[in-house]
Amino acid sequence: MKIELKNLQIAANLSEETTAFTATVHVDGRPAFHASNEGRGGSDRFHVVARYTGPSVREIDAWLADNVAPSGPYEADPDKRRPWDTGFRCDLELMVGRLMPLVAAEKALKLMLRKKIVVLGPDGKIYEYKTAPTPEALASLHRRKPDEQIVNDSNEEIRARAVRLLAQEPDYAEEVYARQRRGDVTKADAHWLLAQDARAARPCPDLQVHLQAVIAAADERLAAYRREREAALPA
C-alpha cells in the first residue's frame, strides 16, 4: 500500500500544540481522504473523498502497524522509561506526520536542483556545489569525484534519500533493529518485528516467543502501574 500526501497547506500561525494543516491523503495513487488538524492539540481528522472505495482508515491503520516501522519511545534509556513509554505503532495519523516534513523537503530539493549541484557524499551526508547543473558541469564532477552520488541526474531512490536527509527523517526500521541489537525493544517494536517474522521465508519460533514475552511484560508493567495509581487514590 502506498500512502502519499498531496495539496499540503500548513498554517503556521494557527499551529499551537499540533500542526494546523489541510491535505489530501492518496492511497495507491487515488485521492482517499481529506486530512486536517486545527492546531489545538486534537487528533487529525480524516473525511472520505467522494467516490473513494478503497481501504478504510481502520484497515489502513492495521496495515501500517504491521508494515511500517514504529516510532521509538520518548525516553531512549530503557532504565528510565515509564510503564506507558512503549513506542508508537504506525497508523495513518502518524504516517501523515512523517510525510509532512518530507513534502516540504521535496519542494526544497526541487528548487536546489534547478540552481545547484547536489550530491550525497561517501559519508552519507548531503552537500551542495554552487554551480549551475549544466550537463558539462555534471559530467566534470562525475569524473573528478566518482565517489559522490550526484542527485541532479540520479534515479528516484537517490532522490528519495536526499529528501529524507533534508527532512532529517530518521530510518525508523534501522532504529528498531538497533534497539533489538541492544536488547531493549519496545512493545511497539515487538509487534512490528513479529509481523516481519511472520512474512519471512523461514519464521523463527524462538524469536516469536521472545517478542511475545516482551509484549506481555510491557502489558504487566502498565497494569501494575495502574494498580499502584488506583491504590493511591483517596478512599
C-alpha atoms as a PDB file:
ATOM      1  CA  MET A   1       0.000   0.000   0.000  1.00  0.00           C
ATOM      2  CA  LYS A   2       1.366   3.405  -0.971  1.00  0.00           C
ATOM      3  CA  ILE A   3       0.368   6.392   1.161  1.00  0.00           C
ATOM      4  CA  GLU A   4       1.053   9.888  -0.216  1.00  0.00           C
ATOM      5  CA  LEU A   5       0.233  13.406   0.932  1.00  0.00           C
ATOM      6  CA  LYS A   6      -0.921  15.902  -1.689  1.00  0.00           C
ATOM      7  CA  ASN A   7      -2.083  19.542  -1.648  1.00  0.00           C
ATOM      8  CA  LEU A   8      -0.465  20.107   1.741  1.00  0.00           C
ATOM      9  CA  GLN A   9      -1.138  23.530   3.269  1.00  0.00           C
ATOM     10  CA  ILE A  10       0.351  24.300   6.702  1.00  0.00           C
ATOM     11  CA  ALA A  11      -0.991  27.224   8.733  1.00  0.00           C
ATOM     12  CA  ALA A  12       1.958  28.011  10.971  1.00  0.00           C
ATOM     13  CA  ASN A  13       0.132  30.975  12.551  1.00  0.00           C
ATOM     14  CA  LEU A  14      -2.624  28.625  13.781  1.00  0.00           C
ATOM     15  CA  SER A  15      -0.318  25.858  14.979  1.00  0.00           C
ATOM     16  CA  GLU A  16      -0.297  25.714  18.769  1.00  0.00           C
ATOM     17  CA  GLU A  17       0.015  22.259  20.286  1.00  0.00           C
ATOM     18  CA  THR A  18      -0.176  20.456  16.934  1.00  0.00           C
ATOM     19  CA  THR A  19       0.488  21.410  13.323  1.00  0.00           C
ATOM     20  CA  ALA A  20      -2.511  23.100  11.721  1.00  0.00           C
ATOM     21  CA  PHE A  21      -2.849  21.823   8.172  1.00  0.00           C
ATOM     22  CA  THR A  22      -5.058  20.603   5.372  1.00  0.00           C
ATOM     23  CA  ALA A  23      -4.081  17.978   2.812  1.00  0.00           C
ATOM     24  CA  THR A  24      -5.354  15.124   0.688  1.00  0.00           C
ATOM     25  CA  VAL A  25      -4.234  11.599   1.502  1.00  0.00           C
ATOM     26  CA  HIS A  26      -3.737   9.429  -1.578  1.00  0.00           C
ATOM     27  CA  VAL A  27      -3.862   5.644  -1.249  1.00  0.00           C
ATOM     28  CA  ASP A  28      -2.268   3.664  -4.078  1.00  0.00           C
ATOM     29  CA  GLY A  29      -2.406   6.693  -6.337  1.00  0.00           C
ATOM     30  CA  ARG A  30      -6.046   7.618  -5.662  1.00  0.00           C
ATOM     31  CA  PRO A  31      -7.433  10.514  -3.559  1.00  0.00           C
ATOM     32  CA  ALA A  32      -8.823   8.858  -0.441  1.00  0.00           C
ATOM     33  CA  PHE A  33      -9.217  11.262   2.483  1.00  0.00           C
ATOM     34  CA  HIS A  34      -9.313  14.973   3.207  1.00  0.00           C
ATOM     35  CA  ALA A  35      -6.989  15.352   6.209  1.00  0.00           C
ATOM     36  CA  SER A  36      -6.870  18.310   8.577  1.00  0.00           C
ATOM     37  CA  ASN A  37      -5.909  19.469  12.047  1.00  0.00           C
ATOM     38  CA  GLU A  38      -6.900  22.716  13.753  1.00  0.00           C
ATOM     39  CA  GLY A  39      -3.567  23.003  15.561  1.00  0.00           C
ATOM     40  CA  ARG A  40      -5.020  22.990  19.086  1.00  0.00           C
ATOM     41  CA  GLY A  41      -3.778  19.597  20.233  1.00  0.00           C
ATOM     42  CA  GLY A  42      -6.554  17.400  18.852  1.00  0.00           C
ATOM     43  CA  SER A  43      -6.224  14.390  16.590  1.00  0.00           C
ATOM     44  CA  ASP A  44      -6.127  14.663  12.812  1.00  0.00           C
ATOM     45  CA  ARG A  45      -9.449  14.430  11.025  1.00  0.00           C
ATOM     46  CA  PHE A  46      -9.942  12.209   8.000  1.00  0.00           C
ATOM     47  CA  HIS A  47     -13.005  12.579   5.758  1.00  0.00           C
ATOM     48  CA  VAL A  48     -13.526  10.194   2.866  1.00  0.00           C
ATOM     49  CA  VAL A  49     -13.192  11.693  -0.620  1.00  0.00           C
ATOM     50  CA  ALA A  50     -16.289  11.279  -2.788  1.00  0.00           C
ATOM     51  CA  ARG A  51     -16.346   8.009  -4.747  1.00  0.00           C
ATOM     52  CA  TYR A  52     -13.367   6.551  -2.883  1.00  0.00           C
ATOM     53  CA  THR A  53     -13.924   2.821  -2.338  1.00  0.00           C
ATOM     54  CA  GLY A  54     -10.517   1.689  -1.085  1.00  0.00           C
ATOM     55  CA  PRO A  55      -9.375   0.640   2.385  1.00  0.00           C
ATOM     56  CA  SER A  56     -10.892   2.442   5.375  1.00  0.00           C
ATOM     57  CA  VAL A  57      -8.843   4.358   7.936  1.00  0.00           C
ATOM     58  CA  ARG A  58      -9.101   1.370  10.290  1.00  0.00           C
ATOM     59  CA  GLU A  59      -7.860  -1.006   7.595  1.00  0.00           C
ATOM     60  CA  ILE A  60      -5.019   1.351   6.696  1.00  0.00           C
ATOM     61  CA  ASP A  61      -4.055   1.664  10.370  1.00  0.00           C
ATOM     62  CA  ALA A  62      -3.869  -2.130  10.664  1.00  0.00           C
ATOM     63  CA  TRP A  63      -1.738  -2.417   7.524  1.00  0.00           C
ATOM     64  CA  LEU A  64       0.633   0.353   8.596  1.00  0.00           C
ATOM     65  CA  ALA A  65       1.062  -1.164  12.072  1.00  0.00           C
ATOM     66  CA  ASP A  66       2.424  -4.357  10.512  1.00  0.00           C
ATOM     67  CA  ASN A  67       4.266  -2.942   7.513  1.00  0.00           C
ATOM     68  CA  VAL A  68       5.770   0.392   8.580  1.00  0.00           C
ATOM     69  CA  ALA A  69       8.270   0.566  11.436  1.00  0.00           C
ATOM     70  CA  PRO A  70       7.050   2.183  14.658  1.00  0.00           C
ATOM     71  CA  SER A  71       8.388   5.330  16.247  1.00  0.00           C
ATOM     72  CA  GLY A  72      10.574   4.948  19.256  1.00  0.00           C
ATOM     73  CA  PRO A  73       9.785   5.741  22.885  1.00  0.00           C
ATOM     74  CA  TYR A  74      10.073   9.204  24.370  1.00  0.00           C
ATOM     75  CA  GLU A  75      12.958   8.084  26.584  1.00  0.00           C
ATOM     76  CA  ALA A  76      15.882   6.376  24.855  1.00  0.00           C
ATOM     77  CA  ASP A  77      17.262   4.868  28.078  1.00  0.00           C
ATOM     78  CA  PRO A  78      15.236   1.720  28.886  1.00  0.00           C
ATOM     79  CA  ASP A  79      16.059   2.097  32.594  1.00  0.00           C
ATOM     80  CA  LYS A  80      14.346   5.483  32.671  1.00  0.00           C
ATOM     81  CA  ARG A  81      11.255   4.661  30.642  1.00  0.00           C
ATOM     82  CA  ARG A  82       7.825   4.984  32.165  1.00  0.00           C
ATOM     83  CA  PRO A  83       5.470   1.972  32.008  1.00  0.00           C
ATOM     84  CA  TRP A  84       3.460   3.622  29.227  1.00  0.00           C
ATOM     85  CA  ASP A  85       6.511   4.656  27.176  1.00  0.00           C
ATOM     86  CA  THR A  86       6.392   1.648  24.854  1.00  0.00           C
ATOM     87  CA  GLY A  87       6.699   3.214  21.393  1.00  0.00           C
ATOM     88  CA  PHE A  88       4.036   4.007  18.806  1.00  0.00           C
ATOM     89  CA  ARG A  89       2.829   1.593  16.158  1.00  0.00           C
ATOM     90  CA  CYS A  90       2.420   3.381  12.844  1.00  0.00           C
ATOM     91  CA  ASP A  91      -1.091   4.464  11.878  1.00  0.00           C
ATOM     92  CA  LEU A  92      -2.459   6.929   9.347  1.00  0.00           C
ATOM     93  CA  GLU A  93      -2.136   9.926  11.652  1.00  0.00           C
ATOM     94  CA  LEU A  94       1.471   9.090  12.486  1.00  0.00           C
ATOM     95  CA  MET A  95       2.194   8.458   8.811  1.00  0.00           C
ATOM     96  CA  VAL A  96       0.798  11.866   7.857  1.00  0.00           C
ATOM     97  CA  GLY A  97       3.021  13.451  10.497  1.00  0.00           C
ATOM     98  CA  ARG A  98       6.041  11.718   8.972  1.00  0.00           C
ATOM     99  CA  LEU A  99       5.105  12.713   5.438  1.00  0.00           C
ATOM    100  CA  MET A 100       4.676  16.452   6.116  1.00  0.00           C
ATOM    101  CA  PRO A 101       8.399  17.262   6.515  1.00  0.00           C
ATOM    102  CA  LEU A 102       9.177  15.039   3.531  1.00  0.00           C
ATOM    103  CA  VAL A 103       6.768  17.020   1.349  1.00  0.00           C
ATOM    104  CA  ALA A 104       8.461  20.271   2.397  1.00  0.00           C
ATOM    105  CA  ALA A 105      11.919  18.772   1.828  1.00  0.00           C
ATOM    106  CA  GLU A 106      10.945  17.533  -1.630  1.00  0.00           C
ATOM    107  CA  LYS A 107       9.881  21.041  -2.635  1.00  0.00           C
ATOM    108  CA  ALA A 108      13.123  22.462  -1.255  1.00  0.00           C
ATOM    109  CA  LEU A 109      15.186  19.886  -3.130  1.00  0.00           C
ATOM    110  CA  LYS A 110      13.492  20.701  -6.444  1.00  0.00           C
ATOM    111  CA  LEU A 111      14.447  24.365  -6.002  1.00  0.00           C
ATOM    112  CA  MET A 112      18.018  23.435  -5.112  1.00  0.00           C
ATOM    113  CA  LEU A 113      18.407  21.166  -8.140  1.00  0.00           C
ATOM    114  CA  ARG A 114      17.454  23.982 -10.513  1.00  0.00           C
ATOM    115  CA  LYS A 115      20.344  26.211  -9.426  1.00  0.00           C
ATOM    116  CA  LYS A 116      22.965  23.986  -7.805  1.00  0.00           C
ATOM    117  CA  ILE A 117      24.592  20.602  -7.972  1.00  0.00           C
ATOM    118  CA  VAL A 118      23.509  18.465  -5.039  1.00  0.00           C
ATOM    119  CA  VAL A 119      25.413  15.325  -4.064  1.00  0.00           C
ATOM    120  CA  LEU A 120      25.355  12.572  -1.492  1.00  0.00           C
ATOM    121  CA  GLY A 121      28.842  12.190  -0.109  1.00  0.00           C
ATOM    122  CA  PRO A 122      30.555   8.915   0.822  1.00  0.00           C
ATOM    123  CA  ASP A 123      29.837   9.830   4.465  1.00  0.00           C
ATOM    124  CA  GLY A 124      26.088   9.627   3.794  1.00  0.00           C
ATOM    125  CA  LYS A 125      25.547  13.375   4.106  1.00  0.00           C
ATOM    126  CA  ILE A 126      24.103  15.815   1.574  1.00  0.00           C
ATOM    127  CA  TYR A 127      26.238  18.598   0.053  1.00  0.00           C
ATOM    128  CA  GLU A 128      25.733  21.447  -2.406  1.00  0.00           C
ATOM    129  CA  TYR A 129      28.003  22.890  -5.091  1.00  0.00           C
ATOM    130  CA  LYS A 130      27.112  26.459  -6.000  1.00  0.00           C
ATOM    131  CA  THR A 131      27.493  25.606  -9.665  1.00  0.00           C
ATOM    132  CA  ALA A 132      24.779  25.619 -12.314  1.00  0.00           C
ATOM    133  CA  PRO A 133      23.839  21.986 -13.025  1.00  0.00           C
ATOM    134  CA  THR A 134      24.719  22.055 -16.719  1.00  0.00           C
ATOM    135  CA  PRO A 135      25.464  18.779 -18.491  1.00  0.00           C
ATOM    136  CA  GLU A 136      29.113  19.804 -18.738  1.00  0.00           C
ATOM    137  CA  ALA A 137      29.365  20.624 -15.011  1.00  0.00           C
ATOM    138  CA  LEU A 138      27.682  17.344 -14.035  1.00  0.00           C
ATOM    139  CA  ALA A 139      29.967  15.318 -16.311  1.00  0.00           C
ATOM    140  CA  SER A 140      33.036  17.081 -14.921  1.00  0.00           C
ATOM    141  CA  LEU A 141      32.007  16.360 -11.332  1.00  0.00           C
ATOM    142  CA  HIS A 142      31.380  12.709 -12.162  1.00  0.00           C
ATOM    143  CA  ARG A 143      34.946  12.455 -13.442  1.00  0.00           C
ATOM    144  CA  ARG A 144      36.556  14.367 -10.583  1.00  0.00           C
ATOM    145  CA  LYS A 145      34.604  12.830  -7.701  1.00  0.00           C
ATOM    146  CA  PRO A 146      33.316   9.402  -8.691  1.00  0.00           C
ATOM    147  CA  ASP A 147      32.635   8.515  -5.046  1.00  0.00           C
ATOM    148  CA  GLU A 148      29.888  11.152  -4.807  1.00  0.00           C
ATOM    149  CA  GLN A 149      26.342  10.424  -5.954  1.00  0.00           C
ATOM    150  CA  ILE A 150      25.012  13.362  -7.918  1.00  0.00           C
ATOM    151  CA  VAL A 151      21.344  13.864  -7.114  1.00  0.00           C
ATOM    152  CA  ASN A 152      20.601  16.062 -10.155  1.00  0.00           C
ATOM    153  CA  ASP A 153      20.867  13.219 -12.666  1.00  0.00           C
ATOM    154  CA  SER A 154      20.196  10.273 -10.351  1.00  0.00           C
ATOM    155  CA  ASN A 155      17.328   7.804 -10.021  1.00  0.00           C
ATOM    156  CA  GLU A 156      14.298   8.072  -7.753  1.00  0.00           C
ATOM    157  CA  GLU A 157      15.922   6.059  -4.961  1.00  0.00           C
ATOM    158  CA  ILE A 158      18.837   8.509  -4.651  1.00  0.00           C
ATOM    159  CA  ARG A 159      16.478  11.497  -4.762  1.00  0.00           C
ATOM    160  CA  ALA A 160      14.332   9.917  -2.046  1.00  0.00           C
ATOM    161  CA  ARG A 161      17.438   9.520   0.128  1.00  0.00           C
ATOM    162  CA  ALA A 162      18.282  13.180  -0.423  1.00  0.00           C
ATOM    163  CA  VAL A 163      14.756  14.198   0.582  1.00  0.00           C
ATOM    164  CA  ARG A 164      14.983  12.156   3.801  1.00  0.00           C
ATOM    165  CA  LEU A 165      18.319  13.769   4.627  1.00  0.00           C
ATOM    166  CA  LEU A 166      16.958  17.270   4.045  1.00  0.00           C
ATOM    167  CA  ALA A 167      13.934  16.479   6.204  1.00  0.00           C
ATOM    168  CA  GLN A 168      16.197  14.942   8.855  1.00  0.00           C
ATOM    169  CA  GLU A 169      13.857  11.966   8.777  1.00  0.00           C
ATOM    170  CA  PRO A 170      15.259   9.017  10.727  1.00  0.00           C
ATOM    171  CA  ASP A 171      15.354   5.470   9.412  1.00  0.00           C
ATOM    172  CA  TYR A 172      12.669   4.069  11.695  1.00  0.00           C
ATOM    173  CA  ALA A 173      13.301   0.450  10.740  1.00  0.00           C
ATOM    174  CA  GLU A 174      17.006   0.764  11.498  1.00  0.00           C
ATOM    175  CA  GLU A 175      16.185   2.345  14.854  1.00  0.00           C
ATOM    176  CA  VAL A 176      14.061  -0.716  15.699  1.00  0.00           C
ATOM    177  CA  TYR A 177      16.850  -3.082  14.685  1.00  0.00           C
ATOM    178  CA  ALA A 178      19.333  -1.042  16.722  1.00  0.00           C
ATOM    179  CA  ARG A 179      17.129  -1.438  19.816  1.00  0.00           C
ATOM    180  CA  GLN A 180      16.810  -5.134  19.024  1.00  0.00           C
ATOM    181  CA  ARG A 181      20.604  -5.488  18.920  1.00  0.00           C
ATOM    182  CA  ARG A 182      20.837  -3.716  22.283  1.00  0.00           C
ATOM    183  CA  GLY A 183      18.114  -5.914  23.737  1.00  0.00           C
ATOM    184  CA  ASP A 184      15.702  -3.097  24.631  1.00  0.00           C
ATOM    185  CA  VAL A 185      12.886  -3.363  22.093  1.00  0.00           C
ATOM    186  CA  THR A 186       9.626  -1.646  22.978  1.00  0.00           C
ATOM    187  CA  LYS A 187       6.173  -3.171  22.843  1.00  0.00           C
ATOM    188  CA  ALA A 188       5.544  -1.404  19.515  1.00  0.00           C
ATOM    189  CA  ASP A 189       8.848  -2.745  18.190  1.00  0.00           C
ATOM    190  CA  ALA A 190       7.894  -6.270  19.221  1.00  0.00           C
ATOM    191  CA  HIS A 191       4.545  -6.113  17.393  1.00  0.00           C
ATOM    192  CA  TRP A 192       6.251  -4.895  14.201  1.00  0.00           C
ATOM    193  CA  LEU A 193       9.063  -7.449  14.419  1.00  0.00           C
ATOM    194  CA  LEU A 194       6.502 -10.222  14.885  1.00  0.00           C
ATOM    195  CA  ALA A 195       4.778  -9.143  11.679  1.00  0.00           C
ATOM    196  CA  GLN A 196       8.096  -9.124   9.801  1.00  0.00           C
ATOM    197  CA  ASP A 197       8.962 -12.587  11.075  1.00  0.00           C
ATOM    198  CA  ALA A 198       5.537 -13.937  10.110  1.00  0.00           C
ATOM    199  CA  ARG A 199       6.227 -12.932   6.488  1.00  0.00           C
ATOM    200  CA  ALA A 200       9.760 -14.354   6.439  1.00  0.00           C
ATOM    201  CA  ALA A 201      10.588 -17.366   4.296  1.00  0.00           C
ATOM    202  CA  ARG A 202      11.679 -19.170   7.456  1.00  0.00           C
ATOM    203  CA  PRO A 203       9.958 -17.733  10.550  1.00  0.00           C
ATOM    204  CA  CYS A 204      11.846 -18.084  13.822  1.00  0.00           C
ATOM    205  CA  PRO A 205       9.765 -19.675  16.628  1.00  0.00           C
ATOM    206  CA  ASP A 206      12.305 -18.656  19.294  1.00  0.00           C
ATOM    207  CA  LEU A 207      12.121 -15.023  18.183  1.00  0.00           C
ATOM    208  CA  GLN A 208       8.339 -15.143  18.281  1.00  0.00           C
ATOM    209  CA  VAL A 209       8.365 -16.466  21.839  1.00  0.00           C
ATOM    210  CA  HIS A 210      10.809 -13.743  22.893  1.00  0.00           C
ATOM    211  CA  LEU A 211       8.794 -10.947  21.286  1.00  0.00           C
ATOM    212  CA  GLN A 212       5.538 -12.206  22.752  1.00  0.00           C
ATOM    213  CA  ALA A 213       7.233 -12.178  26.160  1.00  0.00           C
ATOM    214  CA  VAL A 214       8.303  -8.557  25.586  1.00  0.00           C
ATOM    215  CA  ILE A 215       4.685  -7.603  24.842  1.00  0.00           C
ATOM    216  CA  ALA A 216       3.375  -9.488  27.890  1.00  0.00           C
ATOM    217  CA  ALA A 217       5.973  -7.880  30.161  1.00  0.00           C
ATOM    218  CA  ALA A 218       5.094  -4.392  28.889  1.00  0.00           C
ATOM    219  CA  ASP A 219       1.401  -5.071  29.499  1.00  0.00           C
ATOM    220  CA  GLU A 220       2.124  -6.279  33.034  1.00  0.00           C
ATOM    221  CA  ARG A 221       4.248  -3.206  33.863  1.00  0.00           C
ATOM    222  CA  LEU A 222       1.443  -0.932  32.729  1.00  0.00           C
ATOM    223  CA  ALA A 223      -1.155  -2.952  34.649  1.00  0.00           C
ATOM    224  CA  ALA A 224       0.977  -2.806  37.803  1.00  0.00           C
ATOM    225  CA  TYR A 225       1.386   0.958  37.392  1.00  0.00           C
ATOM    226  CA  ARG A 226      -2.373   1.380  37.080  1.00  0.00           C
ATOM    227  CA  ARG A 227      -2.961  -0.746  40.192  1.00  0.00           C
ATOM    228  CA  GLU A 228      -0.500   1.419  42.131  1.00  0.00           C
ATOM    229  CA  ARG A 229      -2.237   4.604  40.980  1.00  0.00           C
ATOM    230  CA  GLU A 230      -5.656   3.262  41.895  1.00  0.00           C
ATOM    231  CA  ALA A 231      -4.418   2.154  45.336  1.00  0.00           C
ATOM    232  CA  ALA A 232      -3.069   5.665  45.963  1.00  0.00           C
ATOM    233  CA  LEU A 233      -6.416   7.326  45.280  1.00  0.00           C
ATOM    234  CA  PRO A 234      -8.371   8.565  48.325  1.00  0.00           C
ATOM    235  CA  ALA A 235     -10.957   6.089  49.553  1.00  0.00           C
END
